[in-house]
């Protein structure tokens, strides 16, 4: 439960504190590779929330995730974009 709450907080922090955006995206990217499916689902939801708030900046950040060596990271990026398309 605690890791999921932390991941949700990272997304909210990126929305309410745009100056923290890059740091929060880095935290979410690390969490996107977490072996727990629930954590990855919360990452995707957090990213979807960020897409609602700043679509251009979040989409630009996610483009780099598609080429990640970890397929879990690429999958989370695709899931976040699918939720908001």
Protein backbone atom coordinates (compact mmCIF):
# COMPACT_ATOMS: atom_id res chain seq x y z
CA UNK A 1 0.00 0.00 0.00
CA UNK A 2 2.74 2.46 0.93
CA UNK A 3 4.63 2.20 -2.40
CA UNK A 4 1.38 2.85 -4.26
CA UNK A 5 0.64 5.90 -2.13
CA UNK A 6 4.14 7.23 -2.77
CA UNK A 7 3.79 6.75 -6.53
CA UNK A 8 0.42 8.53 -6.53
CA UNK A 9 2.01 11.38 -4.59
CA UNK A 10 4.79 11.70 -7.18
CA UNK A 11 2.20 12.27 -9.90
CA UNK A 12 0.26 14.79 -7.85
CA UNK A 13 3.45 16.66 -6.96
CA UNK A 14 4.29 16.94 -10.66
CA UNK A 15 0.86 18.46 -11.29
CA UNK A 16 0.76 20.96 -8.44
CA UNK A 17 4.46 21.83 -8.53
CA UNK A 18 5.46 22.08 -12.20
CA UNK A 19 8.97 23.11 -11.14
CA UNK A 20 9.35 19.57 -9.66
CA UNK A 21 8.13 17.89 -12.86
CA UNK A 22 11.46 16.42 -13.98
CA UNK A 23 12.27 14.98 -10.56
CA UNK A 24 8.83 13.42 -10.22
CA UNK A 25 8.99 11.93 -13.72
CA UNK A 26 12.34 10.34 -12.83
CA UNK A 27 10.78 8.79 -9.71
CA UNK A 28 7.83 7.51 -11.72
CA UNK A 29 10.15 6.01 -14.32
CA UNK A 30 11.98 4.05 -11.62
CA UNK A 31 8.64 2.89 -10.22
CA UNK A 32 7.47 1.85 -13.70
CA UNK A 33 10.01 -0.98 -13.58
CA UNK A 34 8.76 -2.26 -10.23
CA UNK A 35 7.96 -5.98 -10.30
CA UNK A 36 4.61 -5.39 -8.56
CA UNK A 37 1.79 -4.94 -11.04
CA UNK A 38 -0.25 -2.74 -8.69
CA UNK A 39 2.63 -0.25 -8.39
CA UNK A 40 2.93 -0.09 -12.17
CA UNK A 41 -0.83 0.48 -12.48
CA UNK A 42 -0.60 3.43 -10.11
CA UNK A 43 2.30 4.81 -12.16
CA UNK A 44 0.10 4.68 -15.26
CA UNK A 45 -2.75 6.42 -13.42
CA UNK A 46 -0.37 9.09 -12.11
CA UNK A 47 0.91 9.68 -15.62
CA UNK A 48 -2.66 9.90 -16.91
CA UNK A 49 -3.34 12.60 -14.31
CA UNK A 50 -0.21 14.41 -15.46
CA UNK A 51 -1.38 14.15 -19.08
CA UNK A 52 -4.62 15.88 -18.07
CA UNK A 53 -2.67 18.70 -16.45
CA UNK A 54 0.11 19.15 -19.03
CA UNK A 55 -0.30 16.92 -22.05
CA UNK A 56 2.61 18.33 -24.05
CA UNK A 57 5.24 18.07 -21.34
CA UNK A 58 4.12 14.64 -20.13
CA UNK A 59 3.92 13.21 -23.64
CA UNK A 60 7.43 14.48 -24.35
CA UNK A 61 8.68 12.77 -21.19
CA UNK A 62 6.95 9.50 -22.11
CA UNK A 63 8.45 9.33 -25.59
CA UNK A 64 11.78 8.32 -24.07
CA UNK A 65 10.12 5.57 -22.06
CA UNK A 66 9.08 3.69 -25.22
CA UNK A 67 12.72 2.82 -25.97
CA UNK A 68 13.57 1.73 -22.43
CA UNK A 69 15.42 -1.57 -22.09
CA UNK A 70 12.86 -2.63 -19.49
CA UNK A 71 9.64 -3.69 -21.25
CA UNK A 72 7.67 -2.91 -18.09
CA UNK A 73 8.58 0.77 -18.43
CA UNK A 74 7.46 0.87 -22.06
CA UNK A 75 4.22 -0.88 -21.14
CA UNK A 76 3.42 1.64 -18.41
CA UNK A 77 3.97 4.51 -20.85
CA UNK A 78 1.65 2.88 -23.38
CA UNK A 79 -0.97 2.25 -20.67
CA UNK A 80 -0.87 5.86 -19.52
CA UNK A 81 -1.34 7.12 -23.07
CA UNK A 82 -4.11 4.61 -23.72
CA UNK A 83 -6.05 5.75 -20.67
CA UNK A 84 -6.09 9.32 -21.98
CA UNK A 85 -6.50 8.82 -25.72
